[in-house]
Amino acid sequence: MFNDRFRLTQAVISGIKTQTRRIISEKLLNKYGHNKYNDKSYELVANAPYKVGDVLAVAQNYYEVWDFIKATQDALTKATIHLTNGWGNKMFVKSALMPNLIEITKVRVERLQDISDSDCLAEGIEEYYPYIERNPDDKLKTYRFWDNKFKYKYHSLSPIKNCFAHLIYYICGKETWERNPWVYAYTFKLVK
């Protein structure tokens, strides 16, 4: 599942977002003894929830994918979908009924703040040139991400990591960026 409030599901489907980070549980970190003195990332990668080659459904509520369901499902399935909680909430959908799939192409372990500038772009942060309409020679670049009302939520002249940190603040909580947890960094591609 990707966050709909910041249009991350749409960014995945449109091919803009090709990476995601998931915080590694303390239980896994303790089990494999991963800390700043002992790098056991190969064991963490081997025991990651998702592996290279896994194909996963991109969760969307049934209302959003109704045309796909009408074209591919039998009458009984279509009739029962309206009675499920998945009609308006993607937490209750069946992955077999989702039209969009991603394939995991790379898994690595890193600290959240170790994200590179290119990885920030792969996470769905957008480069933006706000003054180019007024002055085509102005190459002043800013960064932003969108909310579900099609308004940018944050834009900054500062480094792209600041914009990503604000996105993490909204999704995972204020202290997450400062805490700098170990994360699984998944790279994926959209498959049909």
Protein backbone atom coordinates (compact mmCIF):
# COMPACT_ATOMS: atom_id res chain seq x y z
CA MET A 1 0.00 0.00 0.00
CA PHE A 2 1.12 3.51 -0.81
CA ASN A 3 -0.12 6.70 0.81
CA ASP A 4 -3.06 8.21 -1.08
CA ARG A 5 -3.05 11.45 0.88
CA PHE A 6 0.14 12.46 -0.92
CA ARG A 7 -0.80 10.84 -4.25
CA LEU A 8 1.91 8.18 -3.94
CA THR A 9 -0.32 5.43 -5.37
CA GLN A 10 -0.85 7.60 -8.46
CA ALA A 11 2.90 8.28 -8.62
CA VAL A 12 3.54 4.51 -8.68
CA ILE A 13 0.92 3.88 -11.37
CA SER A 14 2.26 6.71 -13.53
CA GLY A 15 5.84 5.40 -13.16
CA ILE A 16 7.17 8.43 -11.26
CA LYS A 17 7.68 6.60 -7.96
CA THR A 18 9.99 3.60 -8.33
CA GLN A 19 11.27 3.25 -4.77
CA THR A 20 9.83 2.93 -1.31
CA ARG A 21 11.33 2.69 2.15
CA ARG A 22 9.93 0.62 4.98
CA ILE A 23 11.22 0.83 8.55
CA ILE A 24 12.83 -2.38 9.78
CA SER A 25 11.38 -3.64 13.03
CA GLU A 26 13.50 -3.68 16.18
CA LYS A 27 12.80 -7.41 16.40
CA LEU A 28 14.58 -8.07 13.10
CA LEU A 29 17.43 -5.70 13.95
CA ASN A 30 17.96 -7.45 17.29
CA LYS A 31 17.68 -10.92 15.75
CA TYR A 32 20.47 -10.29 13.25
CA GLY A 33 22.61 -8.08 15.49
CA HIS A 34 22.63 -5.20 13.02
CA ASN A 35 24.11 -2.04 14.51
CA LYS A 36 26.80 0.51 13.73
CA TYR A 37 29.52 -1.94 14.76
CA ASN A 38 28.19 -5.04 13.06
CA ASP A 39 26.81 -4.85 9.51
CA LYS A 40 24.54 -7.80 8.91
CA SER A 41 22.58 -6.22 6.09
CA TYR A 42 22.94 -9.35 3.92
CA GLU A 43 20.97 -11.30 6.57
CA LEU A 44 18.38 -8.55 6.82
CA VAL A 45 17.98 -8.50 3.03
CA ALA A 46 17.64 -12.30 2.99
CA ASN A 47 14.84 -12.02 5.55
CA ALA A 48 13.12 -8.95 4.09
CA PRO A 49 9.33 -9.17 3.77
CA TYR A 50 9.67 -8.75 -0.01
CA LYS A 51 12.40 -10.26 -2.19
CA VAL A 52 13.79 -9.45 -5.63
CA GLY A 53 11.39 -10.90 -8.18
CA ASP A 54 8.28 -10.67 -5.98
CA VAL A 55 5.28 -9.30 -7.85
CA LEU A 56 2.84 -7.34 -5.70
CA ALA A 57 -0.52 -5.73 -6.34
CA VAL A 58 -0.81 -1.97 -5.94
CA ALA A 59 -3.78 -1.54 -3.59
CA GLN A 60 -6.56 0.75 -4.77
CA ASN A 61 -10.17 0.85 -3.64
CA TYR A 62 -12.68 -0.95 -5.86
CA TYR A 63 -14.32 2.30 -6.89
CA GLU A 64 -11.08 3.45 -8.56
CA VAL A 65 -10.60 0.20 -10.51
CA TRP A 66 -14.25 -0.53 -11.29
CA ASP A 67 -13.78 -0.42 -15.09
CA PHE A 68 -11.03 -3.05 -14.82
CA ILE A 69 -13.20 -5.24 -12.57
CA LYS A 70 -16.22 -4.94 -14.89
CA ALA A 71 -14.11 -6.09 -17.84
CA THR A 72 -12.35 -8.99 -16.11
CA GLN A 73 -14.59 -10.46 -13.38
CA ASP A 74 -17.66 -12.68 -13.36
CA ALA A 75 -21.12 -11.41 -12.38
CA LEU A 76 -21.02 -12.89 -8.86
CA THR A 77 -17.71 -11.19 -8.05
CA LYS A 78 -18.98 -7.87 -9.43
CA ALA A 79 -22.21 -8.14 -7.43
CA THR A 80 -20.46 -8.85 -4.12
CA ILE A 81 -17.86 -6.09 -4.48
CA HIS A 82 -20.45 -3.38 -3.78
CA LEU A 83 -21.17 -5.06 -0.42
CA THR A 84 -17.54 -5.07 0.78
CA ASN A 85 -15.59 -2.46 2.70
CA GLY A 86 -13.12 -2.37 -0.19
CA TRP A 87 -15.45 -0.24 -2.30
CA GLY A 88 -14.13 2.89 -0.60
CA ASN A 89 -11.19 1.59 1.45
CA LYS A 90 -8.20 -0.13 -0.14
CA MET A 91 -7.28 -1.89 3.11
CA PHE A 92 -10.03 -4.44 2.39
CA VAL A 93 -9.41 -5.26 -1.28
CA LYS A 94 -8.25 -8.56 -2.75
CA SER A 95 -4.91 -8.36 -4.52
CA ALA A 96 -6.17 -10.62 -7.34
CA LEU A 97 -8.65 -7.89 -8.32
CA MET A 98 -6.05 -5.14 -8.67
CA PRO A 99 -5.01 -4.11 -12.20
CA ASN A 100 -1.62 -2.62 -11.36
CA LEU A 101 1.33 -4.72 -10.27
CA ILE A 102 4.90 -3.92 -9.28
CA GLU A 103 7.93 -6.19 -9.34
CA ILE A 104 10.69 -5.78 -6.76
CA THR A 105 14.01 -5.35 -8.61
CA LYS A 106 16.36 -4.46 -5.75
CA VAL A 107 16.39 -4.64 -1.95
CA ARG A 108 18.96 -2.98 0.27
CA VAL A 109 19.32 -1.91 3.89
CA GLU A 110 20.34 1.60 4.86
CA ARG A 111 19.66 4.39 7.30
CA LEU A 112 16.76 6.64 6.33
CA GLN A 113 18.97 9.74 6.10
CA ASP A 114 21.39 7.93 3.74
CA ILE A 115 18.94 8.44 0.88
CA SER A 116 20.59 9.98 -2.21
CA ASP A 117 19.20 12.87 -4.23
CA SER A 118 18.32 10.54 -7.11
CA ASP A 119 16.55 8.21 -4.66
CA CYS A 120 14.48 11.16 -3.39
CA LEU A 121 13.26 11.66 -6.96
CA ALA A 122 12.52 7.92 -7.23
CA GLU A 123 10.47 8.24 -4.01
CA GLY A 124 8.14 10.69 -5.77
CA ILE A 125 9.66 14.08 -4.94
CA GLU A 126 9.32 16.38 -7.92
CA GLU A 127 11.76 18.94 -9.31
CA TYR A 128 10.04 22.20 -10.03
CA TYR A 129 11.07 25.43 -11.72
CA PRO A 130 8.52 27.97 -10.42
CA TYR A 131 9.83 31.07 -12.13
CA ILE A 132 10.49 29.66 -15.60
CA GLU A 133 7.18 31.07 -16.97
CA ARG A 134 8.22 34.60 -16.03
CA ASN A 135 11.89 34.26 -16.91
CA PRO A 136 12.90 31.32 -19.16
CA ASP A 137 16.56 31.82 -18.26
CA ASP A 138 15.88 31.29 -14.55
CA LYS A 139 16.98 27.78 -13.64
CA LEU A 140 16.22 28.11 -9.93
CA LYS A 141 15.09 24.61 -8.95
CA THR A 142 12.79 23.77 -6.07
CA TYR A 143 11.29 20.50 -4.88
CA ARG A 144 7.76 19.53 -3.95
CA PHE A 145 5.30 16.75 -3.35
CA TRP A 146 1.53 16.82 -3.77
CA ASP A 147 -1.39 16.23 -1.48
CA ASN A 148 -4.64 14.57 -2.54
CA LYS A 149 -6.22 17.94 -3.35
CA PHE A 150 -3.64 18.48 -6.13
CA LYS A 151 -1.85 21.20 -4.18
CA TYR A 152 1.81 21.00 -3.44
CA LYS A 153 2.39 20.28 0.19
CA TYR A 154 5.93 21.49 0.50
CA HIS A 155 8.29 23.27 -1.75
CA SER A 156 11.76 24.35 -1.00
CA LEU A 157 14.84 26.00 -2.40
CA SER A 158 16.88 23.91 0.02
CA PRO A 159 18.31 20.45 -0.71
CA ILE A 160 15.96 17.77 -1.98
CA LYS A 161 16.47 15.73 1.21
CA ASN A 162 14.66 18.45 3.18
CA CYS A 163 11.60 17.94 0.98
CA PHE A 164 11.78 14.16 1.45
CA ALA A 165 12.15 14.66 5.23
CA HIS A 166 8.92 16.67 5.20
CA LEU A 167 7.14 13.90 3.30
CA ILE A 168 8.36 11.37 5.90
CA TYR A 169 7.19 13.73 8.64
CA TYR A 170 3.64 13.64 7.23
CA ILE A 171 3.59 9.89 6.59
CA CYS A 172 5.49 8.37 9.53
CA GLY A 173 5.53 11.08 12.17
CA LYS A 174 7.60 14.05 13.19
CA GLU A 175 10.40 12.18 14.93
CA THR A 176 11.06 9.59 12.21
CA TRP A 177 13.59 11.58 10.15
CA GLU A 178 15.49 12.68 13.27
CA ARG A 179 15.49 9.13 14.65
CA ASN A 180 17.10 7.94 11.38
CA PRO A 181 15.90 4.32 11.55
CA TRP A 182 17.23 1.41 9.50
CA VAL A 183 15.00 0.86 6.48
CA TYR A 184 14.48 -1.55 3.65
CA ALA A 185 14.94 0.43 0.43
CA TYR A 186 12.89 -1.36 -2.24
CA THR A 187 13.33 -0.51 -5.90
CA PHE A 188 10.52 -1.71 -8.16
CA LYS A 189 9.09 -1.43 -11.63
CA LEU A 190 5.51 -1.34 -12.81
CA VAL A 191 4.44 -4.49 -14.65
CA LYS A 192 1.24 -5.24 -16.53
